[in-house]
Structure formats: structure tokens, C-alpha cells
Amino acid sequence: DGDGLLDTEEIERGTDPNNPDTDGDRLTDKEEVDRGTDPLNPDTDGDGLLDGDEGQWGANPLVADTDGDTIPDGRE
């Protein structure tokens, strides 16, 4: 699928070897593996923002409250 992961790696991880973005979060499965996000969950940290959108907002897709103000990134 051109995402940079071998089909065997995709099968081991449970991702779709025919879809470069298995969870539809705007990051390829390879980008997710490299960043430590979950390629099977579009919102790894559960804050309400897609992993692929967090970067444009300056948020961390691994931390639900990037700025530590007790409000999840997806609500700010």
C-alpha cells in the first residue's frame, strides 16, 4: 500500500496491508509506528483530536492535555 511497512509487518500489527492509513487519522501506518501512536486508533490519547490533526494544532498525539491546563486538547 506504499506506507513504508512491509505487508508482513502490517499483518503482525493488525493493520491493513492494502490501506496506507488503516485508522483514517491522516497519518500513514508507518508514520504512526515511527511516532509511537496507535495505527489502529485514530485518537491514540483519547482527547478528541485525530492523531494526524494534533501536529497542526501544536498538540501531542500521545498526551491528552498537551499544555497541562486540565482541558483535553480536543476541547480547546
PDB file of N, CA and C in Angstrom:
ATOM      1  N   ASP A   1       0.809  -1.208   0.000  1.00  0.00           N
ATOM      2  CA  ASP A   1       0.000   0.000   0.000  1.00  0.00           C
ATOM      3  C   ASP A   1       0.850   1.268   0.000  1.00  0.00           C
ATOM      4  N   GLY A   2       2.169   1.119   0.022  1.00  0.00           N
ATOM      5  CA  GLY A   2       3.051   2.270  -0.103  1.00  0.00           C
ATOM      6  C   GLY A   2       3.249   3.079   1.159  1.00  0.00           C
ATOM      7  N   ASP A   3       2.885   2.551   2.324  1.00  0.00           N
ATOM      8  CA  ASP A   3       3.029   3.327   3.554  1.00  0.00           C
ATOM      9  C   ASP A   3       4.392   3.171   4.216  1.00  0.00           C
ATOM     10  N   GLY A   4       5.234   2.282   3.686  1.00  0.00           N
ATOM     11  CA  GLY A   4       6.567   2.109   4.249  1.00  0.00           C
ATOM     12  C   GLY A   4       6.705   0.901   5.156  1.00  0.00           C
ATOM     13  N   LEU A   5       5.609   0.219   5.455  1.00  0.00           N
ATOM     14  CA  LEU A   5       5.670  -1.013   6.235  1.00  0.00           C
ATOM     15  C   LEU A   5       5.535  -2.200   5.290  1.00  0.00           C
ATOM     16  N   LEU A   6       6.278  -3.250   5.569  1.00  0.00           N
ATOM     17  CA  LEU A   6       6.122  -4.483   4.802  1.00  0.00           C
ATOM     18  C   LEU A   6       4.762  -5.096   5.116  1.00  0.00           C
ATOM     19  N   ASP A   7       4.205  -5.807   4.162  1.00  0.00           N
ATOM     20  CA  ASP A   7       2.913  -6.460   4.391  1.00  0.00           C
ATOM     21  C   ASP A   7       2.972  -7.377   5.607  1.00  0.00           C
ATOM     22  N   THR A   8       4.098  -8.072   5.795  1.00  0.00           N
ATOM     23  CA  THR A   8       4.223  -8.957   6.958  1.00  0.00           C
ATOM     24  C   THR A   8       4.159  -8.166   8.259  1.00  0.00           C
ATOM     25  N   GLU A   9       4.775  -6.974   8.285  1.00  0.00           N
ATOM     26  CA  GLU A   9       4.694  -6.116   9.477  1.00  0.00           C
ATOM     27  C   GLU A   9       3.254  -5.680   9.726  1.00  0.00           C
ATOM     28  N   GLU A  10       2.558  -5.346   8.656  1.00  0.00           N
ATOM     29  CA  GLU A  10       1.168  -4.904   8.791  1.00  0.00           C
ATOM     30  C   GLU A  10       0.294  -6.027   9.348  1.00  0.00           C
ATOM     31  N   ILE A  11       0.495  -7.222   8.858  1.00  0.00           N
ATOM     32  CA  ILE A  11      -0.290  -8.357   9.344  1.00  0.00           C
ATOM     33  C   ILE A  11      -0.002  -8.597  10.823  1.00  0.00           C
ATOM     34  N   GLU A  12       1.280  -8.522  11.223  1.00  0.00           N
ATOM     35  CA  GLU A  12       1.654  -8.700  12.633  1.00  0.00           C
ATOM     36  C   GLU A  12       1.006  -7.648  13.524  1.00  0.00           C
ATOM     37  N   ARG A  13       0.917  -6.417  13.045  1.00  0.00           N
ATOM     38  CA  ARG A  13       0.365  -5.310  13.833  1.00  0.00           C
ATOM     39  C   ARG A  13      -1.157  -5.237  13.769  1.00  0.00           C
ATOM     40  N   GLY A  14      -1.737  -5.948  12.808  1.00  0.00           N
ATOM     41  CA  GLY A  14      -3.189  -5.912  12.645  1.00  0.00           C
ATOM     42  C   GLY A  14      -3.673  -4.799  11.740  1.00  0.00           C
ATOM     43  N   THR A  15      -2.743  -4.114  11.073  1.00  0.00           N
ATOM     44  CA  THR A  15      -3.126  -3.051  10.149  1.00  0.00           C
ATOM     45  C   THR A  15      -3.417  -3.644   8.771  1.00  0.00           C
ATOM     46  N   ASP A  16      -4.031  -2.854   7.924  1.00  0.00           N
ATOM     47  CA  ASP A  16      -4.462  -3.306   6.603  1.00  0.00           C
ATOM     48  C   ASP A  16      -3.334  -3.107   5.594  1.00  0.00           C
ATOM     49  N   PRO A  17      -2.778  -4.190   5.046  1.00  0.00           N
ATOM     50  CA  PRO A  17      -1.689  -4.051   4.084  1.00  0.00           C
ATOM     51  C   PRO A  17      -2.116  -3.426   2.757  1.00  0.00           C
ATOM     52  N   ASN A  18      -3.405  -3.181   2.582  1.00  0.00           N
ATOM     53  CA  ASN A  18      -3.906  -2.547   1.358  1.00  0.00           C
ATOM     54  C   ASN A  18      -4.365  -1.111   1.579  1.00  0.00           C
ATOM     55  N   ASN A  19      -4.175  -0.596   2.782  1.00  0.00           N
ATOM     56  CA  ASN A  19      -4.607   0.763   3.114  1.00  0.00           C
ATOM     57  C   ASN A  19      -3.473   1.450   3.869  1.00  0.00           C
ATOM     58  N   PRO A  20      -2.889   2.508   3.329  1.00  0.00           N
ATOM     59  CA  PRO A  20      -1.762   3.151   3.999  1.00  0.00           C
ATOM     60  C   PRO A  20      -2.124   3.822   5.328  1.00  0.00           C
ATOM     61  N   ASP A  21      -3.402   4.095   5.554  1.00  0.00           N
ATOM     62  CA  ASP A  21      -3.854   4.739   6.795  1.00  0.00           C
ATOM     63  C   ASP A  21      -5.029   3.930   7.360  1.00  0.00           C
ATOM     64  N   THR A  22      -4.712   2.831   8.013  1.00  0.00           N
ATOM     65  CA  THR A  22      -5.728   1.885   8.471  1.00  0.00           C
ATOM     66  C   THR A  22      -6.814   2.535   9.306  1.00  0.00           C
ATOM     67  N   ASP A  23      -6.440   3.442  10.223  1.00  0.00           N
ATOM     68  CA  ASP A  23      -7.445   4.023  11.130  1.00  0.00           C
ATOM     69  C   ASP A  23      -8.022   5.349  10.653  1.00  0.00           C
ATOM     70  N   GLY A  24      -7.575   5.847   9.495  1.00  0.00           N
ATOM     71  CA  GLY A  24      -8.166   7.048   8.902  1.00  0.00           C
ATOM     72  C   GLY A  24      -7.894   8.344   9.634  1.00  0.00           C
ATOM     73  N   ASP A  25      -6.744   8.446  10.299  1.00  0.00           N
ATOM     74  CA  ASP A  25      -6.445   9.646  11.089  1.00  0.00           C
ATOM     75  C   ASP A  25      -5.509  10.634  10.403  1.00  0.00           C
ATOM     76  N   ARG A  26      -5.242  10.428   9.124  1.00  0.00           N
ATOM     77  CA  ARG A  26      -4.396  11.301   8.324  1.00  0.00           C
ATOM     78  C   ARG A  26      -2.893  11.086   8.555  1.00  0.00           C
ATOM     79  N   LEU A  27      -2.521   9.995   9.234  1.00  0.00           N
ATOM     80  CA  LEU A  27      -1.126   9.567   9.338  1.00  0.00           C
ATOM     81  C   LEU A  27      -1.040   8.172   8.728  1.00  0.00           C
ATOM     82  N   THR A  28       0.018   7.922   7.951  1.00  0.00           N
ATOM     83  CA  THR A  28       0.178   6.566   7.437  1.00  0.00           C
ATOM     84  C   THR A  28       0.507   5.629   8.595  1.00  0.00           C
ATOM     85  N   ASP A  29       0.298   4.351   8.357  1.00  0.00           N
ATOM     86  CA  ASP A  29       0.611   3.366   9.394  1.00  0.00           C
ATOM     87  C   ASP A  29       2.083   3.451   9.796  1.00  0.00           C
ATOM     88  N   LYS A  30       2.966   3.673   8.839  1.00  0.00           N
ATOM     89  CA  LYS A  30       4.408   3.809   9.128  1.00  0.00           C
ATOM     90  C   LYS A  30       4.673   5.042   9.979  1.00  0.00           C
ATOM     91  N   GLU A  31       4.048   6.164   9.660  1.00  0.00           N
ATOM     92  CA  GLU A  31       4.225   7.369  10.477  1.00  0.00           C
ATOM     93  C   GLU A  31       3.790   7.101  11.913  1.00  0.00           C
ATOM     94  N   GLU A  32       2.720   6.356  12.076  1.00  0.00           N
ATOM     95  CA  GLU A  32       2.236   6.047  13.423  1.00  0.00           C
ATOM     96  C   GLU A  32       3.226   5.177  14.180  1.00  0.00           C
ATOM     97  N   VAL A  33       3.767   4.174  13.512  1.00  0.00           N
ATOM     98  CA  VAL A  33       4.763   3.317  14.159  1.00  0.00           C
ATOM     99  C   VAL A  33       5.966   4.162  14.573  1.00  0.00           C
ATOM    100  N   ASP A  34       6.431   5.036  13.684  1.00  0.00           N
ATOM    101  CA  ASP A  34       7.589   5.884  13.976  1.00  0.00           C
ATOM    102  C   ASP A  34       7.331   6.854  15.124  1.00  0.00           C
ATOM    103  N   ARG A  35       6.109   7.369  15.233  1.00  0.00           N
ATOM    104  CA  ARG A  35       5.779   8.363  16.262  1.00  0.00           C
ATOM    105  C   ARG A  35       5.314   7.744  17.577  1.00  0.00           C
ATOM    106  N   GLY A  36       5.022   6.448  17.538  1.00  0.00           N
ATOM    107  CA  GLY A  36       4.559   5.776  18.746  1.00  0.00           C
ATOM    108  C   GLY A  36       3.067   5.856  18.972  1.00  0.00           C
ATOM    109  N   THR A  37       2.324   6.342  17.976  1.00  0.00           N
ATOM    110  CA  THR A  37       0.869   6.364  18.091  1.00  0.00           C
ATOM    111  C   THR A  37       0.309   5.021  17.627  1.00  0.00           C
ATOM    112  N   ASP A  38      -0.956   4.797  17.863  1.00  0.00           N
ATOM    113  CA  ASP A  38      -1.596   3.516  17.572  1.00  0.00           C
ATOM    114  C   ASP A  38      -2.206   3.539  16.172  1.00  0.00           C
ATOM    115  N   PRO A  39      -1.670   2.743  15.243  1.00  0.00           N
ATOM    116  CA  PRO A  39      -2.204   2.754  13.885  1.00  0.00           C
ATOM    117  C   PRO A  39      -3.600   2.148  13.759  1.00  0.00           C
ATOM    118  N   LEU A  40      -4.132   1.627  14.859  1.00  0.00           N
ATOM    119  CA  LEU A  40      -5.487   1.066  14.854  1.00  0.00           C
ATOM    120  C   LEU A  40      -6.480   1.957  15.583  1.00  0.00           C
ATOM    121  N   ASN A  41      -6.003   3.088  16.102  1.00  0.00           N
ATOM    122  CA  ASN A  41      -6.861   4.008  16.864  1.00  0.00           C
ATOM    123  C   ASN A  41      -6.642   5.422  16.325  1.00  0.00           C
ATOM    124  N   PRO A  42      -7.638   6.057  15.746  1.00  0.00           N
ATOM    125  CA  PRO A  42      -7.440   7.383  15.160  1.00  0.00           C
ATOM    126  C   PRO A  42      -7.143   8.480  16.185  1.00  0.00           C
ATOM    127  N   ASP A  43      -7.404   8.226  17.451  1.00  0.00           N
ATOM    128  CA  ASP A  43      -7.168   9.209  18.519  1.00  0.00           C
ATOM    129  C   ASP A  43      -6.460   8.500  19.675  1.00  0.00           C
ATOM    130  N   THR A  44      -5.162   8.277  19.522  1.00  0.00           N
ATOM    131  CA  THR A  44      -4.387   7.476  20.467  1.00  0.00           C
ATOM    132  C   THR A  44      -4.546   7.938  21.904  1.00  0.00           C
ATOM    133  N   ASP A  45      -4.529   9.255  22.139  1.00  0.00           N
ATOM    134  CA  ASP A  45      -4.594   9.750  23.520  1.00  0.00           C
ATOM    135  C   ASP A  45      -6.012  10.037  24.003  1.00  0.00           C
ATOM    136  N   GLY A  46      -7.004   9.847  23.138  1.00  0.00           N
ATOM    137  CA  GLY A  46      -8.401   9.982  23.544  1.00  0.00           C
ATOM    138  C   GLY A  46      -8.858  11.391  23.870  1.00  0.00           C
ATOM    139  N   ASP A  47      -8.202  12.392  23.280  1.00  0.00           N
ATOM    140  CA  ASP A  47      -8.543  13.783  23.598  1.00  0.00           C
ATOM    141  C   ASP A  47      -9.564  14.408  22.653  1.00  0.00           C
ATOM    142  N   GLY A  48      -9.992  13.667  21.648  1.00  0.00           N
ATOM    143  CA  GLY A  48     -10.984  14.203  20.722  1.00  0.00           C
ATOM    144  C   GLY A  48     -10.409  14.750  19.428  1.00  0.00           C
ATOM    145  N   LEU A  49      -9.094  14.744  19.279  1.00  0.00           N
ATOM    146  CA  LEU A  49      -8.450  15.167  18.030  1.00  0.00           C
ATOM    147  C   LEU A  49      -7.833  13.952  17.357  1.00  0.00           C
ATOM    148  N   LEU A  50      -7.964  13.872  16.038  1.00  0.00           N
ATOM    149  CA  LEU A  50      -7.288  12.807  15.306  1.00  0.00           C
ATOM    150  C   LEU A  50      -5.783  12.964  15.466  1.00  0.00           C
ATOM    151  N   ASP A  51      -5.073  11.843  15.543  1.00  0.00           N
ATOM    152  CA  ASP A  51      -3.616  11.896  15.677  1.00  0.00           C
ATOM    153  C   ASP A  51      -2.985  12.759  14.589  1.00  0.00           C
ATOM    154  N   GLY A  52      -3.464  12.637  13.365  1.00  0.00           N
ATOM    155  CA  GLY A  52      -2.902  13.395  12.254  1.00  0.00           C
ATOM    156  C   GLY A  52      -3.187  14.882  12.306  1.00  0.00           C
ATOM    157  N   ASP A  53      -4.177  15.295  13.073  1.00  0.00           N
ATOM    158  CA  ASP A  53      -4.511  16.718  13.192  1.00  0.00           C
ATOM    159  C   ASP A  53      -3.790  17.396  14.355  1.00  0.00           C
ATOM    160  N   GLU A  54      -3.305  16.622  15.302  1.00  0.00           N
ATOM    161  CA  GLU A  54      -2.712  17.213  16.501  1.00  0.00           C
ATOM    162  C   GLU A  54      -1.512  18.102  16.187  1.00  0.00           C
ATOM    163  N   GLY A  55      -0.676  17.686  15.232  1.00  0.00           N
ATOM    164  CA  GLY A  55       0.508  18.469  14.901  1.00  0.00           C
ATOM    165  C   GLY A  55       0.187  19.870  14.421  1.00  0.00           C
ATOM    166  N   GLN A  56      -0.867  20.019  13.621  1.00  0.00           N
ATOM    167  CA  GLN A  56      -1.209  21.347  13.108  1.00  0.00           C
ATOM    168  C   GLN A  56      -1.704  22.271  14.214  1.00  0.00           C
ATOM    169  N   TRP A  57      -2.134  21.695  15.328  1.00  0.00           N
ATOM    170  CA  TRP A  57      -2.597  22.493  16.467  1.00  0.00           C
ATOM    171  C   TRP A  57      -1.519  22.625  17.546  1.00  0.00           C
ATOM    172  N   GLY A  58      -0.339  22.052  17.283  1.00  0.00           N
ATOM    173  CA  GLY A  58       0.739  22.110  18.265  1.00  0.00           C
ATOM    174  C   GLY A  58       0.510  21.185  19.444  1.00  0.00           C
ATOM    175  N   ALA A  59      -0.329  20.181  19.251  1.00  0.00           N
ATOM    176  CA  ALA A  59      -0.644  19.238  20.321  1.00  0.00           C
ATOM    177  C   ALA A  59       0.153  17.950  20.133  1.00  0.00           C
ATOM    178  N   ASN A  60       0.282  17.201  21.202  1.00  0.00           N
ATOM    179  CA  ASN A  60       0.999  15.937  21.197  1.00  0.00           C
ATOM    180  C   ASN A  60      -0.016  14.800  21.112  1.00  0.00           C
ATOM    181  N   PRO A  61       0.058  13.951  20.088  1.00  0.00           N
ATOM    182  CA  PRO A  61      -0.924  12.877  19.947  1.00  0.00           C
ATOM    183  C   PRO A  61      -0.809  11.778  21.000  1.00  0.00           C
ATOM    184  N   LEU A  62       0.195  11.871  21.856  1.00  0.00           N
ATOM    185  CA  LEU A  62       0.371  10.892  22.929  1.00  0.00           C
ATOM    186  C   LEU A  62      -0.042  11.438  24.288  1.00  0.00           C
ATOM    187  N   VAL A  63      -0.426  12.723  24.331  1.00  0.00           N
ATOM    188  CA  VAL A  63      -0.794  13.369  25.592  1.00  0.00           C
ATOM    189  C   VAL A  63      -2.142  14.062  25.404  1.00  0.00           C
ATOM    190  N   ALA A  64      -3.131  13.689  26.183  1.00  0.00           N
ATOM    191  CA  ALA A  64      -4.482  14.237  26.022  1.00  0.00           C
ATOM    192  C   ALA A  64      -4.565  15.722  26.357  1.00  0.00           C
ATOM    193  N   ASP A  65      -3.706  16.196  27.239  1.00  0.00           N
ATOM    194  CA  ASP A  65      -3.717  17.598  27.669  1.00  0.00           C
ATOM    195  C   ASP A  65      -2.304  18.155  27.520  1.00  0.00           C
ATOM    196  N   THR A  66      -1.935  18.500  26.292  1.00  0.00           N
ATOM    197  CA  THR A  66      -0.572  18.905  25.970  1.00  0.00           C
ATOM    198  C   THR A  66      -0.080  20.064  26.825  1.00  0.00           C
ATOM    199  N   ASP A  67      -0.924  21.057  27.071  1.00  0.00           N
ATOM    200  CA  ASP A  67      -0.470  22.234  27.824  1.00  0.00           C
ATOM    201  C   ASP A  67      -0.686  22.117  29.335  1.00  0.00           C
ATOM    202  N   GLY A  68      -1.251  21.011  29.791  1.00  0.00           N
ATOM    203  CA  GLY A  68      -1.380  20.759  31.223  1.00  0.00           C
ATOM    204  C   GLY A  68      -2.392  21.614  31.960  1.00  0.00           C
ATOM    205  N   ASP A  69      -3.386  22.151  31.247  1.00  0.00           N
ATOM    206  CA  ASP A  69      -4.364  23.030  31.898  1.00  0.00           C
ATOM    207  C   ASP A  69      -5.637  22.296  32.330  1.00  0.00           C
ATOM    208  N   THR A  70      -5.613  20.977  32.314  1.00  0.00           N
ATOM    209  CA  THR A  70      -6.711  20.075  32.690  1.00  0.00           C
ATOM    210  C   THR A  70      -7.858  20.036  31.677  1.00  0.00           C
ATOM    211  N   ILE A  71      -7.723  20.708  30.548  1.00  0.00           N
ATOM    212  CA  ILE A  71      -8.732  20.655  29.485  1.00  0.00           C
ATOM    213  C   ILE A  71      -8.139  19.834  28.340  1.00  0.00           C
ATOM    214  N   PRO A  72      -8.798  18.745  27.937  1.00  0.00           N
ATOM    215  CA  PRO A  72      -8.261  17.934  26.839  1.00  0.00           C
ATOM    216  C   PRO A  72      -8.067  18.771  25.571  1.00  0.00           C
ATOM    217  N   ASP A  73      -7.015  18.461  24.837  1.00  0.00           N
ATOM    218  CA  ASP A  73      -6.690  19.221  23.625  1.00  0.00           C
ATOM    219  C   ASP A  73      -7.874  19.347  22.675  1.00  0.00           C
ATOM    220  N   GLY A  74      -8.672  18.330  22.545  1.00  0.00           N
ATOM    221  CA  GLY A  74      -9.807  18.356  21.631  1.00  0.00           C
ATOM    222  C   GLY A  74     -10.911  19.313  22.036  1.00  0.00           C
ATOM    223  N   ARG A  75     -10.900  19.786  23.267  1.00  0.00           N
ATOM    224  CA  ARG A  75     -11.924  20.725  23.733  1.00  0.00           C
ATOM    225  C   ARG A  75     -11.418  22.160  23.718  1.00  0.00           C
ATOM    226  N   GLU A  76     -10.129  22.356  23.446  1.00  0.00           N
ATOM    227  CA  GLU A  76      -9.584  23.727  23.458  1.00  0.00           C
ATOM    228  C   GLU A  76      -9.687  24.378  22.101  1.00  0.00           C
TER     229      GLU A  76
END
